[in-house]
């Protein structure tokens, strides 16, 4: 492939994703300059997270029986990278930034926790097509459980010298009560019947599902407007490097080593290349550390990923063998 064709492919990838990032900017502007109270953003976030996105995932998974099977090795590629990059992040936090163990845990979480729900789903639908959604759903089922448990265990071990069963159980319960997980599991359960949803249910669910991408992106932009660039710039740069470059590259290496098919490889590389998830900031608030750096990293990584994600998708399409 010539340089001209590579450039053309990259421009095409960016042009496909550009409308999504324009919606994020629009949401940011609405929240920053409209004078609307913060409750508007909170309400829209709650509506997207509790209703719209679960409906969309329920709709997708209810028809899972009609789609080709998903290669489970994608979980090895994605979560294997999470453990590798998390360990690397802890090492960098301690050796480079001299952070305490709790701050190191939050720093490392920033390198692996993607915004796969509000950004990853719409972007994957545009760049990879609706056929990618079952693979995304499989990752989402385990994402919160594995990553929140990883950090909770890490922090509790640091603070207490042991792991609290109650802390792990509380994490598990909170994941099972997550509306996103409920939507995926309920849709998968219906799919076992091997029949379409009744029209009276399927049509309203489909109509709500159609709102998922634009509303979630507007809500994401509005959420970002509440953050400001404060302290922790050096740590933020390192977190963005881990999240936007190192993690997707590690995913690609594991995918290649395990022989993961190209379709699933593209999905997990895309998910790994997503911007920092807002859950990292929530974790920083919970433990009272790295709040400025995590907020700044969320802003920076969202802006930078508008260019890095299309670039990585172009490269993975070019160099990963199709199978």
Protein backbone atom coordinates (compact mmCIF):
# COMPACT_ATOMS: atom_id res chain seq x y z
CA UNK A 1 0.00 0.00 0.00
CA UNK A 2 1.47 3.36 -1.05
CA UNK A 3 1.91 6.39 1.17
CA UNK A 4 -0.89 8.14 -0.70
CA UNK A 5 -3.31 5.26 -0.14
CA UNK A 6 -2.34 5.03 3.55
CA UNK A 7 -3.01 8.75 3.94
CA UNK A 8 -6.32 8.39 2.12
CA UNK A 9 -7.30 5.50 4.38
CA UNK A 10 -6.42 7.49 7.50
CA UNK A 11 -8.40 10.50 6.30
CA UNK A 12 -11.34 8.19 5.64
CA UNK A 13 -11.14 6.72 9.16
CA UNK A 14 -10.99 10.18 10.73
CA UNK A 15 -13.88 11.44 8.59
CA UNK A 16 -16.02 8.50 9.75
CA UNK A 17 -15.37 9.21 13.43
CA UNK A 18 -15.40 13.02 13.17
CA UNK A 19 -19.21 13.41 13.51
CA UNK A 20 -19.08 11.53 16.80
CA UNK A 21 -16.46 13.85 18.25
CA UNK A 22 -18.39 16.87 16.95
CA UNK A 23 -21.31 15.66 19.08
CA UNK A 24 -18.98 15.47 22.09
CA UNK A 25 -17.83 19.05 21.44
CA UNK A 26 -21.47 20.14 21.04
CA UNK A 27 -22.34 18.58 24.39
CA UNK A 28 -19.33 20.27 25.98
CA UNK A 29 -20.42 23.65 24.58
CA UNK A 30 -24.03 23.22 25.66
CA UNK A 31 -23.02 22.50 29.23
CA UNK A 32 -20.25 25.10 29.42
CA UNK A 33 -22.00 28.07 27.82
CA UNK A 34 -25.76 27.51 28.02
CA UNK A 35 -26.08 28.26 31.72
CA UNK A 36 -27.99 25.03 32.28
CA UNK A 37 -27.77 23.63 35.81
CA UNK A 38 -25.64 20.56 36.48
CA UNK A 39 -28.83 18.57 37.07
CA UNK A 40 -29.51 18.59 33.30
CA UNK A 41 -26.28 16.71 32.65
CA UNK A 42 -26.88 14.38 35.58
CA UNK A 43 -30.36 13.57 34.32
CA UNK A 44 -29.18 12.93 30.76
CA UNK A 45 -26.34 10.74 31.99
CA UNK A 46 -28.72 8.73 34.13
CA UNK A 47 -31.20 8.37 31.26
CA UNK A 48 -28.48 7.17 28.88
CA UNK A 49 -26.86 4.78 31.34
CA UNK A 50 -30.04 3.37 32.88
CA UNK A 51 -32.39 3.31 29.88
CA UNK A 52 -31.01 4.06 26.42
CA UNK A 53 -27.76 2.06 26.37
CA UNK A 54 -29.26 -0.99 28.18
CA UNK A 55 -32.13 -0.98 25.65
CA UNK A 56 -29.67 -0.87 22.76
CA UNK A 57 -27.59 -3.73 24.15
CA UNK A 58 -30.72 -5.74 24.97
CA UNK A 59 -31.88 -5.21 21.38
CA UNK A 60 -28.51 -6.34 19.99
CA UNK A 61 -28.13 -9.37 22.24
CA UNK A 62 -31.74 -10.54 21.75
CA UNK A 63 -30.77 -11.30 18.16
CA UNK A 64 -27.43 -12.85 19.10
CA UNK A 65 -28.60 -16.27 17.87
CA UNK A 66 -28.59 -14.93 14.31
CA UNK A 67 -24.98 -13.73 14.40
CA UNK A 68 -21.74 -15.71 13.94
CA UNK A 69 -20.22 -16.91 17.21
CA UNK A 70 -17.76 -14.60 18.95
CA UNK A 71 -14.25 -15.95 19.50
CA UNK A 72 -13.74 -15.96 23.31
CA UNK A 73 -10.00 -15.43 22.85
CA UNK A 74 -10.81 -11.74 22.54
CA UNK A 75 -11.17 -11.77 26.34
CA UNK A 76 -7.60 -13.06 26.65
CA UNK A 77 -6.34 -10.28 24.38
CA UNK A 78 -8.26 -7.49 26.07
CA UNK A 79 -7.98 -8.44 29.73
CA UNK A 80 -4.50 -9.89 29.32
CA UNK A 81 -3.44 -6.42 28.19
CA UNK A 82 -5.17 -4.93 31.22
CA UNK A 83 -3.07 -6.96 33.65
CA UNK A 84 0.15 -6.24 31.74
CA UNK A 85 -0.47 -2.48 31.44
CA UNK A 86 -1.77 -2.24 35.01
CA UNK A 87 1.46 -3.76 36.30
CA UNK A 88 3.47 -1.41 34.08
CA UNK A 89 1.43 1.54 35.32
CA UNK A 90 2.08 0.64 38.95
CA UNK A 91 5.80 0.43 38.20
CA UNK A 92 5.87 3.82 36.45
CA UNK A 93 3.83 5.45 39.20
CA UNK A 94 6.23 4.27 41.86
CA UNK A 95 9.56 4.64 40.07
CA UNK A 96 8.96 7.76 37.95
CA UNK A 97 6.43 9.80 39.94
CA UNK A 98 7.09 8.47 43.48
CA UNK A 99 3.37 8.01 44.09
CA UNK A 100 2.05 6.23 47.17
CA UNK A 101 0.51 2.76 46.66
CA UNK A 102 -3.12 3.96 46.56
CA UNK A 103 -2.33 6.74 44.09
CA UNK A 104 -0.34 4.21 42.06
CA UNK A 105 -3.43 1.98 41.83
CA UNK A 106 -5.59 4.81 40.48
CA UNK A 107 -2.79 5.90 38.11
CA UNK A 108 -2.51 2.36 36.74
CA UNK A 109 -6.29 2.07 36.39
CA UNK A 110 -6.18 5.15 34.15
CA UNK A 111 -4.01 3.21 31.73
CA UNK A 112 -6.56 0.42 31.23
CA UNK A 113 -10.11 1.64 31.94
CA UNK A 114 -11.66 2.67 28.62
CA UNK A 115 -14.82 4.68 28.00
CA UNK A 116 -16.27 1.70 26.17
CA UNK A 117 -19.92 2.41 26.90
CA UNK A 118 -20.52 6.03 25.94
CA UNK A 119 -17.72 6.33 23.36
CA UNK A 120 -16.65 2.83 22.37
CA UNK A 121 -20.10 1.57 21.31
CA UNK A 122 -20.92 4.50 18.97
CA UNK A 123 -17.41 4.56 17.50
CA UNK A 124 -17.31 0.81 16.91
CA UNK A 125 -20.70 0.97 15.19
CA UNK A 126 -19.39 3.61 12.79
CA UNK A 127 -15.89 2.21 12.14
CA UNK A 128 -16.58 -1.53 12.34
CA UNK A 129 -20.32 -1.85 11.79
CA UNK A 130 -23.16 -3.27 13.93
CA UNK A 131 -21.65 -6.77 13.62
CA UNK A 132 -19.02 -5.68 16.17
CA UNK A 133 -21.57 -5.14 18.96
CA UNK A 134 -21.81 -8.75 20.22
CA UNK A 135 -18.04 -8.78 20.70
CA UNK A 136 -18.25 -5.49 22.57
CA UNK A 137 -21.04 -6.84 24.76
CA UNK A 138 -18.87 -9.82 25.74
CA UNK A 139 -16.08 -7.47 26.85
CA UNK A 140 -18.51 -5.20 28.73
CA UNK A 141 -19.89 -8.11 30.75
CA UNK A 142 -16.49 -8.72 32.33
CA UNK A 143 -15.02 -5.22 32.13
CA UNK A 144 -16.35 -3.60 35.29
CA UNK A 145 -16.17 -6.79 37.32
CA UNK A 146 -12.54 -7.57 36.52
CA UNK A 147 -11.14 -4.03 36.56
CA UNK A 148 -13.01 -2.72 39.61
CA UNK A 149 -12.13 -5.91 41.51
CA UNK A 150 -8.49 -5.57 40.44
CA UNK A 151 -8.19 -2.06 41.83
CA UNK A 152 -10.30 -2.75 44.93
CA UNK A 153 -8.14 -5.75 45.85
CA UNK A 154 -4.97 -3.75 45.10
CA UNK A 155 -6.00 -0.83 47.31
CA UNK A 156 -7.29 -3.02 50.17
CA UNK A 157 -4.09 -5.07 50.14
CA UNK A 158 -2.08 -1.85 50.32
CA UNK A 159 -4.11 -0.42 53.18
CA UNK A 160 -4.81 -3.52 55.26
CA UNK A 161 -2.27 -6.11 54.20
CA UNK A 162 -5.10 -8.48 53.24
CA UNK A 163 -8.11 -8.76 50.96
CA UNK A 164 -11.56 -8.10 52.41
CA UNK A 165 -14.16 -10.61 51.16
CA UNK A 166 -16.83 -8.02 51.87
CA UNK A 167 -15.15 -5.52 49.52
CA UNK A 168 -14.97 -8.07 46.70
CA UNK A 169 -18.60 -9.16 47.26
CA UNK A 170 -19.79 -5.54 47.24
CA UNK A 171 -17.98 -5.02 43.93
CA UNK A 172 -19.62 -8.13 42.46
CA UNK A 173 -23.10 -7.06 43.62
CA UNK A 174 -22.67 -3.55 42.19
CA UNK A 175 -21.63 -5.02 38.84
CA UNK A 176 -24.63 -7.39 38.73
CA UNK A 177 -26.94 -4.43 39.45
CA UNK A 178 -25.39 -2.42 36.61
CA UNK A 179 -28.13 -1.61 34.04
CA UNK A 180 -25.69 -2.19 31.18
CA UNK A 181 -24.98 -5.72 32.40
CA UNK A 182 -28.68 -6.35 33.01
CA UNK A 183 -29.47 -5.30 29.43
CA UNK A 184 -26.80 -7.62 28.01
CA UNK A 185 -27.79 -10.61 30.16
CA UNK A 186 -31.54 -10.14 29.56
CA UNK A 187 -31.00 -9.86 25.79
CA UNK A 188 -28.78 -12.95 25.79
CA UNK A 189 -31.42 -14.87 27.74
CA UNK A 190 -34.08 -13.96 25.16
CA UNK A 191 -31.71 -14.99 22.37
CA UNK A 192 -31.71 -18.54 23.75
CA UNK A 193 -35.33 -18.81 22.58
CA UNK A 194 -34.18 -18.33 18.97
CA UNK A 195 -37.06 -16.06 18.10
CA UNK A 196 -37.37 -12.31 17.43
CA UNK A 197 -38.84 -9.94 19.97
CA UNK A 198 -42.60 -9.43 19.67
CA UNK A 199 -43.41 -6.37 17.57
CA UNK A 200 -45.07 -4.60 20.51
CA UNK A 201 -41.81 -4.82 22.47
CA UNK A 202 -39.22 -4.89 19.71
CA UNK A 203 -40.31 -1.68 17.98
CA UNK A 204 -40.18 0.59 21.08
CA UNK A 205 -36.85 -0.96 22.11
CA UNK A 206 -35.49 -0.34 18.61
CA UNK A 207 -36.69 3.28 18.66
CA UNK A 208 -34.98 3.91 22.00
CA UNK A 209 -31.85 2.11 20.75
CA UNK A 210 -31.59 4.51 17.82
CA UNK A 211 -31.05 7.36 20.31
CA UNK A 212 -28.10 5.67 22.00
CA UNK A 213 -25.18 7.03 19.97
CA UNK A 214 -26.10 10.74 19.74
CA UNK A 215 -27.44 11.04 23.27
CA UNK A 216 -24.53 9.24 24.91
CA UNK A 217 -22.00 11.37 23.05
CA UNK A 218 -23.78 14.61 23.97
CA UNK A 219 -23.93 13.42 27.59
CA UNK A 220 -20.22 12.60 27.50
CA UNK A 221 -19.38 16.08 26.23
CA UNK A 222 -21.52 17.66 28.94
CA UNK A 223 -19.76 15.55 31.57
CA UNK A 224 -16.33 16.61 30.33
CA UNK A 225 -17.29 20.27 30.73
CA UNK A 226 -17.31 19.80 34.50
CA UNK A 227 -13.62 18.96 34.56
CA UNK A 228 -10.80 21.46 34.36
CA UNK A 229 -7.09 21.18 33.66
CA UNK A 230 -5.53 21.37 37.08
CA UNK A 231 -2.59 19.72 38.77
CA UNK A 232 -0.96 16.49 37.73
CA UNK A 233 -0.12 17.35 34.12
CA UNK A 234 2.98 15.11 34.01
CA UNK A 235 1.02 12.17 35.38
CA UNK A 236 -1.78 12.91 32.89
CA UNK A 237 0.61 12.74 29.94
CA UNK A 238 1.88 9.35 31.14
CA UNK A 239 -1.67 8.03 31.66
CA UNK A 240 -2.67 9.11 28.15
CA UNK A 241 0.40 7.37 26.71
CA UNK A 242 -0.46 4.14 28.52
CA UNK A 243 -4.14 4.31 27.61
CA UNK A 244 -4.08 5.48 24.00
CA UNK A 245 -0.91 3.78 22.73
CA UNK A 246 0.56 1.12 25.02
CA UNK A 247 -2.65 -0.76 25.82
CA UNK A 248 -3.91 -1.13 22.22
CA UNK A 249 -0.43 -2.22 21.10
CA UNK A 250 -0.28 -4.86 23.83
CA UNK A 251 -3.77 -6.03 22.83
CA UNK A 252 -2.65 -6.36 19.21
CA UNK A 253 0.42 -8.39 20.22
CA UNK A 254 -1.62 -10.78 22.37
CA UNK A 255 -4.25 -11.10 19.64
CA UNK A 256 -1.58 -11.98 17.11
CA UNK A 257 0.08 -14.45 19.49
CA UNK A 258 -3.21 -16.23 20.21
CA UNK A 259 -4.36 -16.29 16.59
CA UNK A 260 -7.44 -14.16 17.24
CA UNK A 261 -9.40 -13.54 14.02
CA UNK A 262 -9.12 -10.12 12.42
CA UNK A 263 -12.73 -9.07 13.16
CA UNK A 264 -12.40 -9.63 16.92
CA UNK A 265 -8.89 -8.16 16.90
CA UNK A 266 -10.19 -4.90 15.45
CA UNK A 267 -12.89 -4.76 18.13
CA UNK A 268 -10.55 -5.23 21.10
CA UNK A 269 -7.89 -2.91 19.69
CA UNK A 270 -10.54 -0.24 19.20
CA UNK A 271 -11.86 -0.72 22.74
CA UNK A 272 -8.34 -0.58 24.13
CA UNK A 273 -7.65 2.65 22.26
CA UNK A 274 -10.65 4.45 23.73
CA UNK A 275 -10.27 7.50 25.94
CA UNK A 276 -10.14 7.24 29.71
CA UNK A 277 -13.44 6.22 31.29
CA UNK A 278 -15.03 8.59 33.80
CA UNK A 279 -15.03 5.71 36.30
CA UNK A 280 -11.35 6.43 36.90
CA UNK A 281 -12.25 9.88 38.20
CA UNK A 282 -14.95 8.30 40.40
CA UNK A 283 -12.36 5.91 41.80
CA UNK A 284 -9.99 8.84 42.42
CA UNK A 285 -12.75 10.64 44.31
CA UNK A 286 -13.56 7.52 46.31
CA UNK A 287 -9.99 7.15 47.56
CA UNK A 288 -9.21 10.90 47.67
CA UNK A 289 -6.14 10.71 45.40
CA UNK A 290 -5.16 11.70 41.84
CA UNK A 291 -8.39 13.66 41.29
CA UNK A 292 -6.81 16.48 39.29
CA UNK A 293 -4.68 14.15 37.19
CA UNK A 294 -7.56 11.78 36.42
CA UNK A 295 -9.87 14.64 35.41
CA UNK A 296 -7.19 16.14 33.18
CA UNK A 297 -6.43 12.72 31.66
CA UNK A 298 -10.12 12.25 30.83
CA UNK A 299 -10.19 15.55 28.93
CA UNK A 300 -6.86 15.04 27.16
CA UNK A 301 -7.45 11.42 26.18
CA UNK A 302 -10.90 12.16 24.75
CA UNK A 303 -9.51 14.90 22.54
CA UNK A 304 -6.41 12.97 21.46
CA UNK A 305 -8.31 9.75 20.72
CA UNK A 306 -10.17 11.54 17.94
CA UNK A 307 -6.93 11.07 15.98
CA UNK A 308 -5.18 8.11 17.60
CA UNK A 309 -8.09 5.66 17.37
CA UNK A 310 -8.61 6.11 13.60
CA UNK A 311 -4.83 5.84 13.14
CA UNK A 312 -4.66 2.58 15.08
CA UNK A 313 -7.64 1.16 13.20
CA UNK A 314 -5.96 2.00 9.91
CA UNK A 315 -2.75 0.30 11.03
CA UNK A 316 -4.48 -2.81 12.34
CA UNK A 317 -6.41 -3.11 9.09
CA UNK A 318 -3.20 -2.70 7.10
CA UNK A 319 -0.84 -4.97 9.01
CA UNK A 320 -2.97 -7.57 10.80
CA UNK A 321 -3.58 -10.56 8.51
CA UNK A 322 -7.22 -11.11 7.62
CA UNK A 323 -8.51 -14.54 8.43
